[in-house]
Amino acid sequence: MRILVDNCVPRNFARLITGHDLSFARQMGWHELENGDLISAAEAAGFDAMVTTDKNLQYQQSLTDRKVSIIVLAPRFVFFEDLVPLLDQLKEIMANLSQGSFIVIESESD
């Protein structure tokens, strides 16, 4: 699966996402794109999903008629140690991801 990692996801956490073809928005030259344009660029480039920590994205963007899926990691704080507990759930979701899905993964303690 081709995964785009948004700028707001710590790189050290993203490197724990194994078994997939990961690219970073900055690496793609998309670090200045706004959310809708970033999603469109990801979809046009053939990405299957985008991983982000932007909790507002689900209220700002519609995935109707989109092929790319969005996975929002939503712990209380966005630090490496806050994201690590979400890794297993993220991997499970990615293994069963439906096209055009919008999924929010929250911390158990939130």
PDB file of N, CA and C in Angstrom:
ATOM      1  N   MET A   1       0.837  -1.171   0.000  1.00  0.00           N
ATOM      2  CA  MET A   1       0.000   0.000   0.000  1.00  0.00           C
ATOM      3  C   MET A   1       0.887   1.242   0.000  1.00  0.00           C
ATOM      4  N   ARG A   2       0.551   2.208  -0.827  1.00  0.00           N
ATOM      5  CA  ARG A   2       1.296   3.477  -0.869  1.00  0.00           C
ATOM      6  C   ARG A   2       0.674   4.446   0.117  1.00  0.00           C
ATOM      7  N   ILE A   3       1.493   4.915   1.049  1.00  0.00           N
ATOM      8  CA  ILE A   3       1.029   5.783   2.123  1.00  0.00           C
ATOM      9  C   ILE A   3       1.754   7.122   2.059  1.00  0.00           C
ATOM     10  N   LEU A   4       1.003   8.209   2.092  1.00  0.00           N
ATOM     11  CA  LEU A   4       1.571   9.542   2.208  1.00  0.00           C
ATOM     12  C   LEU A   4       1.503   9.948   3.673  1.00  0.00           C
ATOM     13  N   VAL A   5       2.620  10.388   4.207  1.00  0.00           N
ATOM     14  CA  VAL A   5       2.682  10.845   5.596  1.00  0.00           C
ATOM     15  C   VAL A   5       2.687  12.371   5.589  1.00  0.00           C
ATOM     16  N   ASP A   6       1.701  12.947   6.246  1.00  0.00           N
ATOM     17  CA  ASP A   6       1.550  14.396   6.317  1.00  0.00           C
ATOM     18  C   ASP A   6       2.689  15.003   7.144  1.00  0.00           C
ATOM     19  N   ASN A   7       2.923  16.294   6.947  1.00  0.00           N
ATOM     20  CA  ASN A   7       3.997  17.002   7.652  1.00  0.00           C
ATOM     21  C   ASN A   7       3.870  16.953   9.165  1.00  0.00           C
ATOM     22  N   CYS A   8       2.660  16.892   9.667  1.00  0.00           N
ATOM     23  CA  CYS A   8       2.435  16.975  11.113  1.00  0.00           C
ATOM     24  C   CYS A   8       2.724  15.659  11.844  1.00  0.00           C
ATOM     25  N   VAL A   9       2.975  14.592  11.126  1.00  0.00           N
ATOM     26  CA  VAL A   9       3.290  13.297  11.755  1.00  0.00           C
ATOM     27  C   VAL A   9       4.804  13.233  11.985  1.00  0.00           C
ATOM     28  N   PRO A  10       5.226  13.025  13.233  1.00  0.00           N
ATOM     29  CA  PRO A  10       6.667  12.933  13.499  1.00  0.00           C
ATOM     30  C   PRO A  10       7.318  11.820  12.667  1.00  0.00           C
ATOM     31  N   ARG A  11       8.425  12.146  12.029  1.00  0.00           N
ATOM     32  CA  ARG A  11       9.107  11.184  11.149  1.00  0.00           C
ATOM     33  C   ARG A  11       9.546   9.933  11.893  1.00  0.00           C
ATOM     34  N   ASN A  12       9.986  10.098  13.142  1.00  0.00           N
ATOM     35  CA  ASN A  12      10.440   8.913  13.885  1.00  0.00           C
ATOM     36  C   ASN A  12       9.284   7.949  14.141  1.00  0.00           C
ATOM     37  N   PHE A  13       8.074   8.470  14.268  1.00  0.00           N
ATOM     38  CA  PHE A  13       6.909   7.590  14.404  1.00  0.00           C
ATOM     39  C   PHE A  13       6.589   6.947  13.051  1.00  0.00           C
ATOM     40  N   ALA A  14       6.592   7.741  11.999  1.00  0.00           N
ATOM     41  CA  ALA A  14       6.245   7.227  10.666  1.00  0.00           C
ATOM     42  C   ALA A  14       7.149   6.073  10.261  1.00  0.00           C
ATOM     43  N   ARG A  15       8.379   6.106  10.685  1.00  0.00           N
ATOM     44  CA  ARG A  15       9.312   5.036  10.325  1.00  0.00           C
ATOM     45  C   ARG A  15       8.942   3.700  10.976  1.00  0.00           C
ATOM     46  N   LEU A  16       8.058   3.724  11.962  1.00  0.00           N
ATOM     47  CA  LEU A  16       7.582   2.489  12.591  1.00  0.00           C
ATOM     48  C   LEU A  16       6.491   1.810  11.769  1.00  0.00           C
ATOM     49  N   ILE A  17       5.961   2.513  10.794  1.00  0.00           N
ATOM     50  CA  ILE A  17       4.913   1.970   9.920  1.00  0.00           C
ATOM     51  C   ILE A  17       5.614   1.147   8.841  1.00  0.00           C
ATOM     52  N   THR A  18       5.700  -0.135   9.071  1.00  0.00           N
ATOM     53  CA  THR A  18       6.455  -1.010   8.165  1.00  0.00           C
ATOM     54  C   THR A  18       5.525  -1.796   7.258  1.00  0.00           C
ATOM     55  N   GLY A  19       6.092  -2.334   6.199  1.00  0.00           N
ATOM     56  CA  GLY A  19       5.325  -3.180   5.289  1.00  0.00           C
ATOM     57  C   GLY A  19       4.552  -2.414   4.238  1.00  0.00           C
ATOM     58  N   HIS A  20       4.796  -1.118   4.147  1.00  0.00           N
ATOM     59  CA  HIS A  20       4.102  -0.273   3.178  1.00  0.00           C
ATOM     60  C   HIS A  20       5.115   0.647   2.507  1.00  0.00           C
ATOM     61  N   ASP A  21       4.742   1.177   1.369  1.00  0.00           N
ATOM     62  CA  ASP A  21       5.573   2.136   0.647  1.00  0.00           C
ATOM     63  C   ASP A  21       5.228   3.531   1.163  1.00  0.00           C
ATOM     64  N   LEU A  22       6.077   4.070   2.051  1.00  0.00           N
ATOM     65  CA  LEU A  22       5.833   5.363   2.682  1.00  0.00           C
ATOM     66  C   LEU A  22       6.566   6.473   1.954  1.00  0.00           C
ATOM     67  N   SER A  23       5.877   7.595   1.783  1.00  0.00           N
ATOM     68  CA  SER A  23       6.487   8.820   1.279  1.00  0.00           C
ATOM     69  C   SER A  23       6.017   9.956   2.181  1.00  0.00           C
ATOM     70  N   PHE A  24       6.860  10.955   2.308  1.00  0.00           N
ATOM     71  CA  PHE A  24       6.538  12.097   3.150  1.00  0.00           C
ATOM     72  C   PHE A  24       6.146  13.279   2.279  1.00  0.00           C
ATOM     73  N   ALA A  25       5.160  14.061   2.737  1.00  0.00           N
ATOM     74  CA  ALA A  25       4.688  15.216   1.969  1.00  0.00           C
ATOM     75  C   ALA A  25       5.856  16.137   1.612  1.00  0.00           C
ATOM     76  N   ARG A  26       6.739  16.374   2.557  1.00  0.00           N
ATOM     77  CA  ARG A  26       7.893  17.250   2.294  1.00  0.00           C
ATOM     78  C   ARG A  26       8.788  16.647   1.202  1.00  0.00           C
ATOM     79  N   GLN A  27       9.019  15.361   1.279  1.00  0.00           N
ATOM     80  CA  GLN A  27       9.843  14.646   0.292  1.00  0.00           C
ATOM     81  C   GLN A  27       9.241  14.782  -1.116  1.00  0.00           C
ATOM     82  N   MET A  28       7.920  14.813  -1.188  1.00  0.00           N
ATOM     83  CA  MET A  28       7.226  14.925  -2.473  1.00  0.00           C
ATOM     84  C   MET A  28       7.163  16.376  -2.970  1.00  0.00           C
ATOM     85  N   GLY A  29       7.605  17.331  -2.138  1.00  0.00           N
ATOM     86  CA  GLY A  29       7.521  18.743  -2.492  1.00  0.00           C
ATOM     87  C   GLY A  29       6.140  19.324  -2.246  1.00  0.00           C
ATOM     88  N   TRP A  30       5.358  18.653  -1.409  1.00  0.00           N
ATOM     89  CA  TRP A  30       3.972  19.056  -1.155  1.00  0.00           C
ATOM     90  C   TRP A  30       3.788  19.670   0.223  1.00  0.00           C
ATOM     91  N   HIS A  31       4.848  20.058   0.879  1.00  0.00           N
ATOM     92  CA  HIS A  31       4.771  20.542   2.256  1.00  0.00           C
ATOM     93  C   HIS A  31       4.009  21.860   2.409  1.00  0.00           C
ATOM     94  N   GLU A  32       3.799  22.597   1.327  1.00  0.00           N
ATOM     95  CA  GLU A  32       3.068  23.853   1.415  1.00  0.00           C
ATOM     96  C   GLU A  32       1.636  23.745   0.894  1.00  0.00           C
ATOM     97  N   LEU A  33       1.238  22.565   0.448  1.00  0.00           N
ATOM     98  CA  LEU A  33      -0.127  22.394  -0.067  1.00  0.00           C
ATOM     99  C   LEU A  33      -1.130  22.410   1.074  1.00  0.00           C
ATOM    100  N   GLU A  34      -2.256  23.048   0.828  1.00  0.00           N
ATOM    101  CA  GLU A  34      -3.363  23.026   1.788  1.00  0.00           C
ATOM    102  C   GLU A  34      -4.029  21.651   1.735  1.00  0.00           C
ATOM    103  N   ASN A  35      -4.845  21.340   2.725  1.00  0.00           N
ATOM    104  CA  ASN A  35      -5.408  19.998   2.869  1.00  0.00           C
ATOM    105  C   ASN A  35      -6.086  19.453   1.618  1.00  0.00           C
ATOM    106  N   GLY A  36      -7.001  20.214   1.022  1.00  0.00           N
ATOM    107  CA  GLY A  36      -7.712  19.727  -0.158  1.00  0.00           C
ATOM    108  C   GLY A  36      -6.774  19.478  -1.323  1.00  0.00           C
ATOM    109  N   ASP A  37      -5.817  20.384  -1.505  1.00  0.00           N
ATOM    110  CA  ASP A  37      -4.842  20.221  -2.587  1.00  0.00           C
ATOM    111  C   ASP A  37      -3.901  19.056  -2.306  1.00  0.00           C
ATOM    112  N   LEU A  38      -3.557  18.861  -1.040  1.00  0.00           N
ATOM    113  CA  LEU A  38      -2.679  17.749  -0.662  1.00  0.00           C
ATOM    114  C   LEU A  38      -3.379  16.410  -0.920  1.00  0.00           C
ATOM    115  N   ILE A  39      -4.637  16.323  -0.566  1.00  0.00           N
ATOM    116  CA  ILE A  39      -5.407  15.096  -0.810  1.00  0.00           C
ATOM    117  C   ILE A  39      -5.513  14.833  -2.308  1.00  0.00           C
ATOM    118  N   SER A  40      -5.775  15.875  -3.087  1.00  0.00           N
ATOM    119  CA  SER A  40      -5.866  15.724  -4.545  1.00  0.00           C
ATOM    120  C   SER A  40      -4.539  15.280  -5.138  1.00  0.00           C
ATOM    121  N   ALA A  41      -3.435  15.858  -4.665  1.00  0.00           N
ATOM    122  CA  ALA A  41      -2.110  15.479  -5.165  1.00  0.00           C
ATOM    123  C   ALA A  41      -1.804  14.030  -4.814  1.00  0.00           C
ATOM    124  N   ALA A  42      -2.147  13.637  -3.591  1.00  0.00           N
ATOM    125  CA  ALA A  42      -1.906  12.248  -3.161  1.00  0.00           C
ATOM    126  C   ALA A  42      -2.703  11.281  -4.019  1.00  0.00           C
ATOM    127  N   GLU A  43      -3.940  11.608  -4.263  1.00  0.00           N
ATOM    128  CA  GLU A  43      -4.787  10.739  -5.073  1.00  0.00           C
ATOM    129  C   GLU A  43      -4.270  10.655  -6.515  1.00  0.00           C
ATOM    130  N   ALA A  44      -3.896  11.796  -7.082  1.00  0.00           N
ATOM    131  CA  ALA A  44      -3.396  11.819  -8.459  1.00  0.00           C
ATOM    132  C   ALA A  44      -2.094  11.031  -8.594  1.00  0.00           C
ATOM    133  N   ALA A  45      -1.301  11.003  -7.531  1.00  0.00           N
ATOM    134  CA  ALA A  45      -0.024  10.281  -7.559  1.00  0.00           C
ATOM    135  C   ALA A  45      -0.185   8.799  -7.241  1.00  0.00           C
ATOM    136  N   GLY A  46      -1.413   8.375  -6.982  1.00  0.00           N
ATOM    137  CA  GLY A  46      -1.665   6.953  -6.764  1.00  0.00           C
ATOM    138  C   GLY A  46      -1.486   6.465  -5.341  1.00  0.00           C
ATOM    139  N   PHE A  47      -1.488   7.376  -4.379  1.00  0.00           N
ATOM    140  CA  PHE A  47      -1.419   6.948  -2.981  1.00  0.00           C
ATOM    141  C   PHE A  47      -2.744   6.320  -2.577  1.00  0.00           C
ATOM    142  N   ASP A  48      -2.666   5.295  -1.750  1.00  0.00           N
ATOM    143  CA  ASP A  48      -3.864   4.628  -1.250  1.00  0.00           C
ATOM    144  C   ASP A  48      -4.419   5.328  -0.018  1.00  0.00           C
ATOM    145  N   ALA A  49      -3.520   5.909   0.778  1.00  0.00           N
ATOM    146  CA  ALA A  49      -3.948   6.531   2.025  1.00  0.00           C
ATOM    147  C   ALA A  49      -2.987   7.634   2.424  1.00  0.00           C
ATOM    148  N   MET A  50      -3.490   8.529   3.277  1.00  0.00           N
ATOM    149  CA  MET A  50      -2.671   9.568   3.880  1.00  0.00           C
ATOM    150  C   MET A  50      -2.832   9.455   5.390  1.00  0.00           C
ATOM    151  N   VAL A  51      -1.709   9.488   6.090  1.00  0.00           N
ATOM    152  CA  VAL A  51      -1.722   9.462   7.553  1.00  0.00           C
ATOM    153  C   VAL A  51      -1.401  10.871   8.026  1.00  0.00           C
ATOM    154  N   THR A  52      -2.236  11.381   8.928  1.00  0.00           N
ATOM    155  CA  THR A  52      -2.085  12.743   9.429  1.00  0.00           C
ATOM    156  C   THR A  52      -2.435  12.787  10.914  1.00  0.00           C
ATOM    157  N   THR A  53      -2.121  13.895  11.549  1.00  0.00           N
ATOM    158  CA  THR A  53      -2.574  14.131  12.926  1.00  0.00           C
ATOM    159  C   THR A  53      -3.493  15.349  12.967  1.00  0.00           C
ATOM    160  N   ASP A  54      -3.909  15.832  11.817  1.00  0.00           N
ATOM    161  CA  ASP A  54      -4.790  17.001  11.712  1.00  0.00           C
ATOM    162  C   ASP A  54      -6.211  16.585  12.065  1.00  0.00           C
ATOM    163  N   LYS A  55      -6.603  16.833  13.306  1.00  0.00           N
ATOM    164  CA  LYS A  55      -7.912  16.420  13.811  1.00  0.00           C
ATOM    165  C   LYS A  55      -9.068  17.162  13.132  1.00  0.00           C
ATOM    166  N   ASN A  56      -8.807  18.327  12.563  1.00  0.00           N
ATOM    167  CA  ASN A  56      -9.867  19.107  11.925  1.00  0.00           C
ATOM    168  C   ASN A  56     -10.146  18.668  10.492  1.00  0.00           C
ATOM    169  N   LEU A  57      -9.286  17.859   9.944  1.00  0.00           N
ATOM    170  CA  LEU A  57      -9.413  17.454   8.542  1.00  0.00           C
ATOM    171  C   LEU A  57     -10.766  16.811   8.244  1.00  0.00           C
ATOM    172  N   GLN A  58     -11.266  16.015   9.174  1.00  0.00           N
ATOM    173  CA  GLN A  58     -12.545  15.333   8.937  1.00  0.00           C
ATOM    174  C   GLN A  58     -13.714  16.308   8.813  1.00  0.00           C
ATOM    175  N   TYR A  59     -13.571  17.496   9.369  1.00  0.00           N
ATOM    176  CA  TYR A  59     -14.638  18.497   9.291  1.00  0.00           C
ATOM    177  C   TYR A  59     -14.443  19.442   8.110  1.00  0.00           C
ATOM    178  N   GLN A  60     -13.235  19.438   7.536  1.00  0.00           N
ATOM    179  CA  GLN A  60     -12.911  20.369   6.468  1.00  0.00           C
ATOM    180  C   GLN A  60     -12.969  19.749   5.080  1.00  0.00           C
ATOM    181  N   GLN A  61     -12.824  18.430   4.999  1.00  0.00           N
ATOM    182  CA  GLN A  61     -12.712  17.772   3.698  1.00  0.00           C
ATOM    183  C   GLN A  61     -13.726  16.639   3.558  1.00  0.00           C
ATOM    184  N   SER A  62     -14.239  16.500   2.374  1.00  0.00           N
ATOM    185  CA  SER A  62     -15.129  15.392   2.057  1.00  0.00           C
ATOM    186  C   SER A  62     -14.363  14.394   1.197  1.00  0.00           C
ATOM    187  N   LEU A  63     -14.571  13.130   1.459  1.00  0.00           N
ATOM    188  CA  LEU A  63     -13.920  12.100   0.653  1.00  0.00           C
ATOM    189  C   LEU A  63     -14.892  11.466  -0.338  1.00  0.00           C
ATOM    190  N   THR A  64     -16.053  12.072  -0.507  1.00  0.00           N
ATOM    191  CA  THR A  64     -17.016  11.583  -1.477  1.00  0.00           C
ATOM    192  C   THR A  64     -16.365  11.528  -2.854  1.00  0.00           C
ATOM    193  N   ASP A  65     -16.474  10.394  -3.503  1.00  0.00           N
ATOM    194  CA  ASP A  65     -15.896  10.144  -4.833  1.00  0.00           C
ATOM    195  C   ASP A  65     -14.371  10.163  -4.849  1.00  0.00           C
ATOM    196  N   ARG A  66     -13.756  10.022  -3.696  1.00  0.00           N
ATOM    197  CA  ARG A  66     -12.287   9.955  -3.621  1.00  0.00           C
ATOM    198  C   ARG A  66     -11.855   8.502  -3.526  1.00  0.00           C
ATOM    199  N   LYS A  67     -10.656   8.220  -4.013  1.00  0.00           N
ATOM    200  CA  LYS A  67     -10.086   6.886  -3.895  1.00  0.00           C
ATOM    201  C   LYS A  67      -9.144   6.799  -2.707  1.00  0.00           C
ATOM    202  N   VAL A  68      -8.478   7.896  -2.388  1.00  0.00           N
ATOM    203  CA  VAL A  68      -7.524   7.921  -1.284  1.00  0.00           C
ATOM    204  C   VAL A  68      -8.273   7.914   0.047  1.00  0.00           C
ATOM    205  N   SER A  69      -7.717   7.216   1.013  1.00  0.00           N
ATOM    206  CA  SER A  69      -8.291   7.178   2.358  1.00  0.00           C
ATOM    207  C   SER A  69      -7.454   8.062   3.280  1.00  0.00           C
ATOM    208  N   ILE A  70      -8.094   8.552   4.317  1.00  0.00           N
ATOM    209  CA  ILE A  70      -7.412   9.399   5.299  1.00  0.00           C
ATOM    210  C   ILE A  70      -7.490   8.709   6.655  1.00  0.00           C
ATOM    211  N   ILE A  71      -6.330   8.607   7.301  1.00  0.00           N
ATOM    212  CA  ILE A  71      -6.272   8.065   8.651  1.00  0.00           C
ATOM    213  C   ILE A  71      -5.724   9.160   9.554  1.00  0.00           C
ATOM    214  N   VAL A  72      -6.542   9.576  10.515  1.00  0.00           N
ATOM    215  CA  VAL A  72      -6.147  10.633  11.441  1.00  0.00           C
ATOM    216  C   VAL A  72      -5.752   9.998  12.770  1.00  0.00           C
ATOM    217  N   LEU A  73      -4.523  10.246  13.170  1.00  0.00           N
ATOM    218  CA  LEU A  73      -4.051   9.824  14.487  1.00  0.00           C
ATOM    219  C   LEU A  73      -4.369  10.968  15.436  1.00  0.00           C
ATOM    220  N   ALA A  74      -5.190  10.681  16.455  1.00  0.00           N
ATOM    221  CA  ALA A  74      -5.708  11.764  17.290  1.00  0.00           C
ATOM    222  C   ALA A  74      -5.474  11.540  18.782  1.00  0.00           C
ATOM    223  N   PRO A  75      -4.211  11.423  19.193  1.00  0.00           N
ATOM    224  CA  PRO A  75      -3.968  11.370  20.634  1.00  0.00           C
ATOM    225  C   PRO A  75      -4.146  12.773  21.215  1.00  0.00           C
ATOM    226  N   ARG A  76      -4.126  12.871  22.520  1.00  0.00           N
ATOM    227  CA  ARG A  76      -4.269  14.184  23.160  1.00  0.00           C
ATOM    228  C   ARG A  76      -3.132  15.116  22.727  1.00  0.00           C
ATOM    229  N   PHE A  77      -1.909  14.599  22.709  1.00  0.00           N
ATOM    230  CA  PHE A  77      -0.744  15.367  22.287  1.00  0.00           C
ATOM    231  C   PHE A  77      -0.064  14.619  21.142  1.00  0.00           C
ATOM    232  N   VAL A  78       0.561  15.353  20.245  1.00  0.00           N
ATOM    233  CA  VAL A  78       1.166  14.727  19.066  1.00  0.00           C
ATOM    234  C   VAL A  78       2.687  14.668  19.234  1.00  0.00           C
ATOM    235  N   PHE A  79       3.096  13.827  20.151  1.00  0.00           N
ATOM    236  CA  PHE A  79       4.509  13.545  20.345  1.00  0.00           C
ATOM    237  C   PHE A  79       4.714  12.066  20.064  1.00  0.00           C
ATOM    238  N   PHE A  80       5.931  11.705  19.754  1.00  0.00           N
ATOM    239  CA  PHE A  80       6.254  10.324  19.441  1.00  0.00           C
ATOM    240  C   PHE A  80       5.665   9.365  20.470  1.00  0.00           C
ATOM    241  N   GLU A  81       5.897   9.632  21.745  1.00  0.00           N
ATOM    242  CA  GLU A  81       5.452   8.714  22.799  1.00  0.00           C
ATOM    243  C   GLU A  81       3.926   8.635  22.911  1.00  0.00           C
ATOM    244  N   ASP A  82       3.219   9.639  22.433  1.00  0.00           N
ATOM    245  CA  ASP A  82       1.754   9.610  22.443  1.00  0.00           C
ATOM    246  C   ASP A  82       1.198   8.838  21.247  1.00  0.00           C
ATOM    247  N   LEU A  83       1.964   8.781  20.176  1.00  0.00           N
ATOM    248  CA  LEU A  83       1.526   8.089  18.971  1.00  0.00           C
ATOM    249  C   LEU A  83       1.822   6.597  18.997  1.00  0.00           C
ATOM    250  N   VAL A  84       2.901   6.201  19.649  1.00  0.00           N
ATOM    251  CA  VAL A  84       3.308   4.791  19.653  1.00  0.00           C
ATOM    252  C   VAL A  84       2.179   3.846  20.088  1.00  0.00           C
ATOM    253  N   PRO A  85       1.386   4.175  21.125  1.00  0.00           N
ATOM    254  CA  PRO A  85       0.294   3.261  21.500  1.00  0.00           C
ATOM    255  C   PRO A  85      -0.769   3.067  20.413  1.00  0.00           C
ATOM    256  N   LEU A  86      -0.795   3.939  19.413  1.00  0.00           N
ATOM    257  CA  LEU A  86      -1.771   3.835  18.329  1.00  0.00           C
ATOM    258  C   LEU A  86      -1.271   2.988  17.159  1.00  0.00           C
ATOM    259  N   LEU A  87      -0.008   2.591  17.200  1.00  0.00           N
ATOM    260  CA  LEU A  87       0.620   1.921  16.064  1.00  0.00           C
ATOM    261  C   LEU A  87      -0.054   0.605  15.686  1.00  0.00           C
ATOM    262  N   ASP A  88      -0.335  -0.252  16.652  1.00  0.00           N
ATOM    263  CA  ASP A  88      -0.967  -1.539  16.331  1.00  0.00           C
ATOM    264  C   ASP A  88      -2.337  -1.345  15.696  1.00  0.00           C
ATOM    265  N   GLN A  89      -3.104  -0.416  16.235  1.00  0.00           N
ATOM    266  CA  GLN A  89      -4.429  -0.142  15.674  1.00  0.00           C
ATOM    267  C   GLN A  89      -4.294   0.432  14.255  1.00  0.00           C
ATOM    268  N   LEU A  90      -3.312   1.291  14.044  1.00  0.00           N
ATOM    269  CA  LEU A  90      -3.064   1.846  12.715  1.00  0.00           C
ATOM    270  C   LEU A  90      -2.739   0.738  11.719  1.00  0.00           C
ATOM    271  N   LYS A  91      -1.862  -0.157  12.099  1.00  0.00           N
ATOM    272  CA  LYS A  91      -1.476  -1.255  11.206  1.00  0.00           C
ATOM    273  C   LYS A  91      -2.669  -2.151  10.887  1.00  0.00           C
ATOM    274  N   GLU A  92      -3.508  -2.414  11.875  1.00  0.00           N
ATOM    275  CA  GLU A  92      -4.700  -3.244  11.655  1.00  0.00           C
ATOM    276  C   GLU A  92      -5.664  -2.557  10.686  1.00  0.00           C
ATOM    277  N   ILE A  93      -5.869  -1.275  10.873  1.00  0.00           N
ATOM    278  CA  ILE A  93      -6.759  -0.521   9.992  1.00  0.00           C
ATOM    279  C   ILE A  93      -6.213  -0.509   8.566  1.00  0.00           C
ATOM    280  N   MET A  94      -4.908  -0.316   8.436  1.00  0.00           N
ATOM    281  CA  MET A  94      -4.309  -0.278   7.110  1.00  0.00           C
ATOM    282  C   MET A  94      -4.435  -1.619   6.395  1.00  0.00           C
ATOM    283  N   ALA A  95      -4.447  -2.694   7.132  1.00  0.00           N
ATOM    284  CA  ALA A  95      -4.572  -4.027   6.536  1.00  0.00           C
ATOM    285  C   ALA A  95      -5.969  -4.271   5.972  1.00  0.00           C
ATOM    286  N   ASN A  96      -6.952  -3.518   6.458  1.00  0.00           N
ATOM    287  CA  ASN A  96      -8.347  -3.731   6.043  1.00  0.00           C
ATOM    288  C   ASN A  96      -8.993  -2.460   5.497  1.00  0.00           C
ATOM    289  N   LEU A  97      -8.195  -1.558   4.987  1.00  0.00           N
ATOM    290  CA  LEU A  97      -8.664  -0.237   4.586  1.00  0.00           C
ATOM    291  C   LEU A  97      -9.507  -0.285   3.312  1.00  0.00           C
ATOM    292  N   SER A  98     -10.653   0.358   3.368  1.00  0.00           N
ATOM    293  CA  SER A  98     -11.518   0.494   2.197  1.00  0.00           C
ATOM    294  C   SER A  98     -11.201   1.809   1.499  1.00  0.00           C
ATOM    295  N   GLN A  99     -11.305   1.800   0.196  1.00  0.00           N
ATOM    296  CA  GLN A  99     -11.033   2.978  -0.610  1.00  0.00           C
ATOM    297  C   GLN A  99     -11.949   4.132  -0.194  1.00  0.00           C
ATOM    298  N   GLY A 100     -11.373   5.334  -0.057  1.00  0.00           N
ATOM    299  CA  GLY A 100     -12.158   6.527   0.279  1.00  0.00           C
ATOM    300  C   GLY A 100     -12.626   6.584   1.713  1.00  0.00           C
ATOM    301  N   SER A 101     -11.967   5.854   2.608  1.00  0.00           N
ATOM    302  CA  SER A 101     -12.352   5.841   4.027  1.00  0.00           C
ATOM    303  C   SER A 101     -11.786   7.051   4.757  1.00  0.00           C
ATOM    304  N   PHE A 102     -12.471   7.423   5.818  1.00  0.00           N
ATOM    305  CA  PHE A 102     -11.979   8.467   6.718  1.00  0.00           C
ATOM    306  C   PHE A 102     -12.036   7.868   8.115  1.00  0.00           C
ATOM    307  N   ILE A 103     -10.874   7.613   8.703  1.00  0.00           N
ATOM    308  CA  ILE A 103     -10.811   6.910   9.979  1.00  0.00           C
ATOM    309  C   ILE A 103     -10.031   7.751  10.976  1.00  0.00           C
ATOM    310  N   VAL A 104     -10.556   7.872  12.184  1.00  0.00           N
ATOM    311  CA  VAL A 104      -9.881   8.589  13.258  1.00  0.00           C
ATOM    312  C   VAL A 104      -9.509   7.562  14.323  1.00  0.00           C
ATOM    313  N   ILE A 105      -8.241   7.548  14.697  1.00  0.00           N
ATOM    314  CA  ILE A 105      -7.750   6.647  15.757  1.00  0.00           C
ATOM    315  C   ILE A 105      -7.424   7.512  16.969  1.00  0.00           C
ATOM    316  N   GLU A 106      -8.176   7.308  18.036  1.00  0.00           N
ATOM    317  CA  GLU A 106      -7.974   8.092  19.250  1.00  0.00           C
ATOM    318  C   GLU A 106      -7.296   7.248  20.326  1.00  0.00           C
ATOM    319  N   SER A 107      -6.654   7.922  21.245  1.00  0.00           N
ATOM    320  CA  SER A 107      -6.036   7.241  22.377  1.00  0.00           C
ATOM    321  C   SER A 107      -7.112   6.672  23.271  1.00  0.00           C
ATOM    322  N   GLU A 108      -6.821   5.544  23.898  1.00  0.00           N
ATOM    323  CA  GLU A 108      -7.767   4.914  24.813  1.00  0.00           C
ATOM    324  C   GLU A 108      -8.092   5.836  25.982  1.00  0.00           C
ATOM    325  N   SER A 109      -7.132   6.663  26.399  1.00  0.00           N
ATOM    326  CA  SER A 109      -7.316   7.514  27.575  1.00  0.00           C
ATOM    327  C   SER A 109      -8.043   8.819  27.256  1.00  0.00           C
ATOM    328  N   ASP A 110      -8.260   9.122  25.972  1.00  0.00           N
ATOM    329  CA  ASP A 110      -8.936  10.374  25.605  1.00  0.00           C
ATOM    330  C   ASP A 110     -10.442  10.251  25.761  1.00  0.00           C
TER     331      ASP A 110
END
